[in-house]
């Protein structure tokens, strides 16, 4: 495949109250992620959802070069964790606009990135509906899903929702863990933009998280 393929990234970012502990590094990590992606050849667009007790579409289908960065004005943690609502809405709304687009305007590669530091505790959407959507998009449309979770077994959470355990990363809930998670995820997205798929988080990625855990204990 060409390295100049059209890619769309839908980012689903936790903004519940517990994220205040890593608030600055979440902003910084996301903004570095955008900067890294801007240096990559090829065209990419990005959509950002954030969620606490409710889900907000922050912006949709921005060219990566123009995608707004996170600031203390547009990212302020509070509330609970409506994880299932956020993922379900992000998937279905992304699918809706792709289906409504002309075939020559549809992205060749779609990547959904979810980052959360807590377990589901506020959604109206049942996990089974989320899993159904994820499995449909993975199997029928070859979408890629990356799941980063702190304060939980990320692989278990990801698998329960129909994602691949290899494409999940358990994140240390501190500055080092957050920064490393964004770096690892940026590498995965760059790979998908070049080849059409991710290979999954590596042992090196997981060791960085372990090191961050060890430093905070």
C-alpha atoms as a PDB file:
ATOM      1  CA  UNK A   1       0.000   0.000   0.000  1.00  0.00           C
ATOM      2  CA  UNK A   2       1.004   3.590  -0.553  1.00  0.00           C
ATOM      3  CA  UNK A   3       2.401   5.608   2.322  1.00  0.00           C
ATOM      4  CA  UNK A   4       0.078   8.429   1.271  1.00  0.00           C
ATOM      5  CA  UNK A   5      -3.179   6.694   2.054  1.00  0.00           C
ATOM      6  CA  UNK A   6      -6.152   8.563   3.443  1.00  0.00           C
ATOM      7  CA  UNK A   7      -6.563   7.923   7.176  1.00  0.00           C
ATOM      8  CA  UNK A   8      -9.148   8.964   9.714  1.00  0.00           C
ATOM      9  CA  UNK A   9      -8.463   8.903  13.470  1.00  0.00           C
ATOM     10  CA  UNK A  10     -11.341   9.081  15.947  1.00  0.00           C
ATOM     11  CA  UNK A  11      -9.973   9.799  19.434  1.00  0.00           C
ATOM     12  CA  UNK A  12     -12.156   9.043  22.466  1.00  0.00           C
ATOM     13  CA  UNK A  13     -10.652  10.724  25.520  1.00  0.00           C
ATOM     14  CA  UNK A  14     -11.690  10.353  29.147  1.00  0.00           C
ATOM     15  CA  UNK A  15     -12.294  13.665  30.902  1.00  0.00           C
ATOM     16  CA  UNK A  16     -13.786  12.286  34.122  1.00  0.00           C
ATOM     17  CA  UNK A  17     -12.749  13.687  37.479  1.00  0.00           C
ATOM     18  CA  UNK A  18      -9.985  11.169  38.134  1.00  0.00           C
ATOM     19  CA  UNK A  19      -8.152  12.385  35.023  1.00  0.00           C
ATOM     20  CA  UNK A  20      -7.321  15.594  36.932  1.00  0.00           C
ATOM     21  CA  UNK A  21      -4.378  13.675  38.405  1.00  0.00           C
ATOM     22  CA  UNK A  22      -2.782  13.471  34.931  1.00  0.00           C
ATOM     23  CA  UNK A  23      -4.516  16.479  33.395  1.00  0.00           C
ATOM     24  CA  UNK A  24      -1.448  18.411  32.235  1.00  0.00           C
ATOM     25  CA  UNK A  25       0.238  15.351  30.759  1.00  0.00           C
ATOM     26  CA  UNK A  26      -2.960  14.315  29.021  1.00  0.00           C
ATOM     27  CA  UNK A  27      -3.078  17.665  27.283  1.00  0.00           C
ATOM     28  CA  UNK A  28       0.627  17.592  26.524  1.00  0.00           C
ATOM     29  CA  UNK A  29       0.547  13.994  25.319  1.00  0.00           C
ATOM     30  CA  UNK A  30      -2.375  14.607  22.990  1.00  0.00           C
ATOM     31  CA  UNK A  31      -0.777  17.743  21.572  1.00  0.00           C
ATOM     32  CA  UNK A  32       2.510  15.899  20.989  1.00  0.00           C
ATOM     33  CA  UNK A  33       0.519  13.123  19.300  1.00  0.00           C
ATOM     34  CA  UNK A  34      -0.948  15.683  16.890  1.00  0.00           C
ATOM     35  CA  UNK A  35       2.499  17.163  16.209  1.00  0.00           C
ATOM     36  CA  UNK A  36       3.951  13.716  15.474  1.00  0.00           C
ATOM     37  CA  UNK A  37       1.134  12.905  13.061  1.00  0.00           C
ATOM     38  CA  UNK A  38       1.536  16.200  11.208  1.00  0.00           C
ATOM     39  CA  UNK A  39       5.081  15.191  10.255  1.00  0.00           C
ATOM     40  CA  UNK A  40       3.871  11.998   8.578  1.00  0.00           C
ATOM     41  CA  UNK A  41       3.369  11.981   4.791  1.00  0.00           C
ATOM     42  CA  UNK A  42      -0.147  11.375   3.605  1.00  0.00           C
ATOM     43  CA  UNK A  43      -3.468  12.952   4.457  1.00  0.00           C
ATOM     44  CA  UNK A  44      -5.216  12.323   7.754  1.00  0.00           C
ATOM     45  CA  UNK A  45      -8.243  13.736   9.528  1.00  0.00           C
ATOM     46  CA  UNK A  46      -9.032  13.587  13.217  1.00  0.00           C
ATOM     47  CA  UNK A  47     -12.203  13.642  15.285  1.00  0.00           C
ATOM     48  CA  UNK A  48     -12.100  14.146  19.052  1.00  0.00           C
ATOM     49  CA  UNK A  49     -14.715  13.070  21.574  1.00  0.00           C
ATOM     50  CA  UNK A  50     -14.301  13.555  25.284  1.00  0.00           C
ATOM     51  CA  UNK A  51     -16.468  12.049  27.944  1.00  0.00           C
ATOM     52  CA  UNK A  52     -17.246  12.171  31.630  1.00  0.00           C
ATOM     53  CA  UNK A  53     -20.823  11.641  32.772  1.00  0.00           C
ATOM     54  CA  UNK A  54     -21.832  12.784  29.272  1.00  0.00           C
ATOM     55  CA  UNK A  55     -20.187  12.603  25.850  1.00  0.00           C
ATOM     56  CA  UNK A  56     -19.084  15.649  23.871  1.00  0.00           C
ATOM     57  CA  UNK A  57     -17.988  15.909  20.262  1.00  0.00           C
ATOM     58  CA  UNK A  58     -15.133  18.405  20.592  1.00  0.00           C
ATOM     59  CA  UNK A  59     -14.419  18.576  16.849  1.00  0.00           C
ATOM     60  CA  UNK A  60     -14.959  16.435  13.776  1.00  0.00           C
ATOM     61  CA  UNK A  61     -12.927  15.600  10.670  1.00  0.00           C
ATOM     62  CA  UNK A  62     -10.275  18.260  11.028  1.00  0.00           C
ATOM     63  CA  UNK A  63      -7.244  17.853   8.764  1.00  0.00           C
ATOM     64  CA  UNK A  64      -4.446  16.789  11.099  1.00  0.00           C
ATOM     65  CA  UNK A  65      -2.563  19.990  10.252  1.00  0.00           C
ATOM     66  CA  UNK A  66      -5.460  22.106  11.559  1.00  0.00           C
ATOM     67  CA  UNK A  67      -6.686  19.964  14.458  1.00  0.00           C
ATOM     68  CA  UNK A  68      -7.025  22.094  17.603  1.00  0.00           C
ATOM     69  CA  UNK A  69      -4.784  21.251  20.532  1.00  0.00           C
ATOM     70  CA  UNK A  70      -6.044  20.584  24.032  1.00  0.00           C
ATOM     71  CA  UNK A  71      -5.992  23.539  26.421  1.00  0.00           C
ATOM     72  CA  UNK A  72      -7.257  24.180  29.923  1.00  0.00           C
ATOM     73  CA  UNK A  73     -10.325  25.708  28.272  1.00  0.00           C
ATOM     74  CA  UNK A  74     -11.398  22.725  26.143  1.00  0.00           C
ATOM     75  CA  UNK A  75     -10.188  19.950  28.468  1.00  0.00           C
ATOM     76  CA  UNK A  76     -11.202  20.148  32.129  1.00  0.00           C
ATOM     77  CA  UNK A  77     -11.757  16.830  33.966  1.00  0.00           C
ATOM     78  CA  UNK A  78     -14.891  16.322  36.069  1.00  0.00           C
ATOM     79  CA  UNK A  79     -17.721  13.854  36.521  1.00  0.00           C
ATOM     80  CA  UNK A  80     -18.041  10.090  36.071  1.00  0.00           C
ATOM     81  CA  UNK A  81     -16.999   7.640  33.315  1.00  0.00           C
ATOM     82  CA  UNK A  82     -19.562   7.020  30.551  1.00  0.00           C
ATOM     83  CA  UNK A  83     -17.128   4.840  28.607  1.00  0.00           C
ATOM     84  CA  UNK A  84     -19.665   2.695  26.736  1.00  0.00           C
ATOM     85  CA  UNK A  85     -21.750   5.699  25.676  1.00  0.00           C
ATOM     86  CA  UNK A  86     -18.633   7.440  24.370  1.00  0.00           C
ATOM     87  CA  UNK A  87     -17.289   4.524  22.345  1.00  0.00           C
ATOM     88  CA  UNK A  88     -20.694   3.643  20.902  1.00  0.00           C
ATOM     89  CA  UNK A  89     -21.383   7.222  19.848  1.00  0.00           C
ATOM     90  CA  UNK A  90     -17.911   7.690  18.396  1.00  0.00           C
ATOM     91  CA  UNK A  91     -18.161   4.519  16.300  1.00  0.00           C
ATOM     92  CA  UNK A  92     -21.673   5.062  15.005  1.00  0.00           C
ATOM     93  CA  UNK A  93     -21.210   8.736  14.174  1.00  0.00           C
ATOM     94  CA  UNK A  94     -17.898   8.051  12.426  1.00  0.00           C
ATOM     95  CA  UNK A  95     -19.557   5.281  10.423  1.00  0.00           C
ATOM     96  CA  UNK A  96     -22.490   7.547   9.556  1.00  0.00           C
ATOM     97  CA  UNK A  97     -20.425  10.263   7.924  1.00  0.00           C
ATOM     98  CA  UNK A  98     -18.217   7.753   6.122  1.00  0.00           C
ATOM     99  CA  UNK A  99     -21.289   6.026   4.690  1.00  0.00           C
ATOM    100  CA  UNK A 100     -22.678   9.392   3.619  1.00  0.00           C
ATOM    101  CA  UNK A 101     -19.443  10.325   1.812  1.00  0.00           C
ATOM    102  CA  UNK A 102     -18.664   9.632  -1.825  1.00  0.00           C
ATOM    103  CA  UNK A 103     -16.579   6.479  -2.216  1.00  0.00           C
ATOM    104  CA  UNK A 104     -13.548   8.451  -3.414  1.00  0.00           C
ATOM    105  CA  UNK A 105     -13.739  10.618  -0.282  1.00  0.00           C
ATOM    106  CA  UNK A 106     -13.915   7.773   2.216  1.00  0.00           C
ATOM    107  CA  UNK A 107     -10.763   7.046   4.268  1.00  0.00           C
ATOM    108  CA  UNK A 108      -8.854   3.883   3.418  1.00  0.00           C
ATOM    109  CA  UNK A 109      -7.868   3.406   7.059  1.00  0.00           C
ATOM    110  CA  UNK A 110      -9.974   4.173  10.135  1.00  0.00           C
ATOM    111  CA  UNK A 111      -8.423   4.070  13.612  1.00  0.00           C
ATOM    112  CA  UNK A 112     -10.364   4.496  16.841  1.00  0.00           C
ATOM    113  CA  UNK A 113      -8.208   5.334  19.873  1.00  0.00           C
ATOM    114  CA  UNK A 114      -9.733   5.143  23.368  1.00  0.00           C
ATOM    115  CA  UNK A 115      -7.919   6.439  26.452  1.00  0.00           C
ATOM    116  CA  UNK A 116      -9.479   6.128  29.898  1.00  0.00           C
ATOM    117  CA  UNK A 117      -8.311   5.954  33.497  1.00  0.00           C
ATOM    118  CA  UNK A 118     -11.419   4.428  35.000  1.00  0.00           C
ATOM    119  CA  UNK A 119     -13.989   1.714  34.623  1.00  0.00           C
ATOM    120  CA  UNK A 120     -17.418   2.261  33.164  1.00  0.00           C
ATOM    121  CA  UNK A 121     -19.836   3.727  35.735  1.00  0.00           C
ATOM    122  CA  UNK A 122     -22.215   6.127  33.997  1.00  0.00           C
ATOM    123  CA  UNK A 123     -23.426   4.820  30.602  1.00  0.00           C
ATOM    124  CA  UNK A 124     -26.893   4.068  29.332  1.00  0.00           C
ATOM    125  CA  UNK A 125     -25.425   1.956  26.522  1.00  0.00           C
ATOM    126  CA  UNK A 126     -24.959  -1.719  27.397  1.00  0.00           C
ATOM    127  CA  UNK A 127     -21.548  -3.269  26.797  1.00  0.00           C
ATOM    128  CA  UNK A 128     -23.073  -5.807  24.377  1.00  0.00           C
ATOM    129  CA  UNK A 129     -24.075  -3.013  21.983  1.00  0.00           C
ATOM    130  CA  UNK A 130     -20.553  -1.601  22.072  1.00  0.00           C
ATOM    131  CA  UNK A 131     -19.072  -5.030  21.402  1.00  0.00           C
ATOM    132  CA  UNK A 132     -21.450  -5.591  18.487  1.00  0.00           C
ATOM    133  CA  UNK A 133     -20.362  -2.331  16.854  1.00  0.00           C
ATOM    134  CA  UNK A 134     -16.656  -2.961  17.414  1.00  0.00           C
ATOM    135  CA  UNK A 135     -16.798  -6.492  16.009  1.00  0.00           C
ATOM    136  CA  UNK A 136     -18.781  -5.277  12.983  1.00  0.00           C
ATOM    137  CA  UNK A 137     -16.307  -2.498  12.193  1.00  0.00           C
ATOM    138  CA  UNK A 138     -13.275  -4.728  12.720  1.00  0.00           C
ATOM    139  CA  UNK A 139     -14.507  -7.698  10.698  1.00  0.00           C
ATOM    140  CA  UNK A 140     -16.499  -6.070   7.925  1.00  0.00           C
ATOM    141  CA  UNK A 141     -14.657  -2.777   7.475  1.00  0.00           C
ATOM    142  CA  UNK A 142     -11.142  -3.479   8.823  1.00  0.00           C
ATOM    143  CA  UNK A 143     -11.189  -0.629  11.320  1.00  0.00           C
ATOM    144  CA  UNK A 144      -8.351  -0.554  13.813  1.00  0.00           C
ATOM    145  CA  UNK A 145      -8.990  -0.088  17.549  1.00  0.00           C
ATOM    146  CA  UNK A 146      -6.441   0.928  20.199  1.00  0.00           C
ATOM    147  CA  UNK A 147      -7.368   0.914  23.890  1.00  0.00           C
ATOM    148  CA  UNK A 148      -5.313   2.547  26.656  1.00  0.00           C
ATOM    149  CA  UNK A 149      -6.568   2.043  30.193  1.00  0.00           C
ATOM    150  CA  UNK A 150      -5.221   3.033  33.611  1.00  0.00           C
ATOM    151  CA  UNK A 151      -6.400   1.656  36.968  1.00  0.00           C
ATOM    152  CA  UNK A 152      -7.603  -1.562  35.336  1.00  0.00           C
ATOM    153  CA  UNK A 153      -6.519  -4.598  33.324  1.00  0.00           C
ATOM    154  CA  UNK A 154      -6.687  -2.899  29.926  1.00  0.00           C
ATOM    155  CA  UNK A 155      -6.458  -6.178  28.007  1.00  0.00           C
ATOM    156  CA  UNK A 156      -9.439  -7.595  29.866  1.00  0.00           C
ATOM    157  CA  UNK A 157     -11.509  -4.436  29.391  1.00  0.00           C
ATOM    158  CA  UNK A 158     -10.612  -4.314  25.695  1.00  0.00           C
ATOM    159  CA  UNK A 159     -11.468  -7.967  25.086  1.00  0.00           C
ATOM    160  CA  UNK A 160     -14.817  -7.609  26.832  1.00  0.00           C
ATOM    161  CA  UNK A 161     -15.652  -4.909  24.292  1.00  0.00           C
ATOM    162  CA  UNK A 162     -14.480  -6.922  21.304  1.00  0.00           C
ATOM    163  CA  UNK A 163     -11.042  -5.395  20.849  1.00  0.00           C
ATOM    164  CA  UNK A 164      -7.759  -7.253  20.449  1.00  0.00           C
ATOM    165  CA  UNK A 165      -5.744  -7.622  23.678  1.00  0.00           C
ATOM    166  CA  UNK A 166      -2.515  -6.955  21.755  1.00  0.00           C
ATOM    167  CA  UNK A 167      -3.885  -3.561  20.823  1.00  0.00           C
ATOM    168  CA  UNK A 168      -4.525  -2.597  24.424  1.00  0.00           C
ATOM    169  CA  UNK A 169      -2.095  -1.001  26.857  1.00  0.00           C
ATOM    170  CA  UNK A 170      -2.350  -0.831  30.628  1.00  0.00           C
ATOM    171  CA  UNK A 171      -1.147   2.663  31.497  1.00  0.00           C
ATOM    172  CA  UNK A 172       0.519   3.792  34.696  1.00  0.00           C
ATOM    173  CA  UNK A 173      -1.629   6.553  36.182  1.00  0.00           C
ATOM    174  CA  UNK A 174       1.137   9.126  36.438  1.00  0.00           C
ATOM    175  CA  UNK A 175       3.049  11.629  34.309  1.00  0.00           C
ATOM    176  CA  UNK A 176       5.575   9.131  32.929  1.00  0.00           C
ATOM    177  CA  UNK A 177       2.935   6.551  32.101  1.00  0.00           C
ATOM    178  CA  UNK A 178       0.727   9.068  30.322  1.00  0.00           C
ATOM    179  CA  UNK A 179       3.543  10.473  28.218  1.00  0.00           C
ATOM    180  CA  UNK A 180       4.807   7.010  27.276  1.00  0.00           C
ATOM    181  CA  UNK A 181       1.287   5.849  26.371  1.00  0.00           C
ATOM    182  CA  UNK A 182       0.833   8.710  23.948  1.00  0.00           C
ATOM    183  CA  UNK A 183       4.250   8.046  22.389  1.00  0.00           C
ATOM    184  CA  UNK A 184       3.471   4.344  21.953  1.00  0.00           C
ATOM    185  CA  UNK A 185       0.059   5.117  20.522  1.00  0.00           C
ATOM    186  CA  UNK A 186       1.466   7.648  18.094  1.00  0.00           C
ATOM    187  CA  UNK A 187       3.829   4.955  16.788  1.00  0.00           C
ATOM    188  CA  UNK A 188       0.874   2.587  16.290  1.00  0.00           C
ATOM    189  CA  UNK A 189      -1.120   5.204  14.404  1.00  0.00           C
ATOM    190  CA  UNK A 190       1.873   6.083  12.210  1.00  0.00           C
ATOM    191  CA  UNK A 191       2.247   2.388  11.378  1.00  0.00           C
ATOM    192  CA  UNK A 192      -1.421   2.124  10.444  1.00  0.00           C
ATOM    193  CA  UNK A 193      -1.172   5.200   8.251  1.00  0.00           C
ATOM    194  CA  UNK A 194       1.725   3.612   6.373  1.00  0.00           C
ATOM    195  CA  UNK A 195       0.508   0.018   6.114  1.00  0.00           C
ATOM    196  CA  UNK A 196      -3.231   0.085   6.797  1.00  0.00           C
ATOM    197  CA  UNK A 197      -3.004  -1.748  10.104  1.00  0.00           C
ATOM    198  CA  UNK A 198      -1.367  -1.718  13.521  1.00  0.00           C
ATOM    199  CA  UNK A 199       0.864  -4.512  14.811  1.00  0.00           C
ATOM    200  CA  UNK A 200      -0.139  -4.025  18.455  1.00  0.00           C
ATOM    201  CA  UNK A 201       1.731  -2.582  21.408  1.00  0.00           C
ATOM    202  CA  UNK A 202       5.198  -4.056  21.832  1.00  0.00           C
ATOM    203  CA  UNK A 203       6.991  -5.462  24.854  1.00  0.00           C
ATOM    204  CA  UNK A 204       9.005  -2.240  24.874  1.00  0.00           C
ATOM    205  CA  UNK A 205       5.786  -0.239  25.156  1.00  0.00           C
ATOM    206  CA  UNK A 206       4.652  -2.413  28.064  1.00  0.00           C
ATOM    207  CA  UNK A 207       8.040  -2.200  29.770  1.00  0.00           C
ATOM    208  CA  UNK A 208       7.861   1.607  29.686  1.00  0.00           C
ATOM    209  CA  UNK A 209       4.578   1.370  31.576  1.00  0.00           C
ATOM    210  CA  UNK A 210       6.050  -1.055  34.082  1.00  0.00           C
ATOM    211  CA  UNK A 211       8.953   1.307  34.647  1.00  0.00           C
ATOM    212  CA  UNK A 212       6.489   4.151  35.231  1.00  0.00           C
ATOM    213  CA  UNK A 213       4.579   1.978  37.727  1.00  0.00           C
ATOM    214  CA  UNK A 214       7.803   1.128  39.546  1.00  0.00           C
ATOM    215  CA  UNK A 215       8.914   4.765  39.757  1.00  0.00           C
ATOM    216  CA  UNK A 216       5.637   5.822  41.379  1.00  0.00           C
ATOM    217  CA  UNK A 217       5.660   3.046  44.012  1.00  0.00           C
END
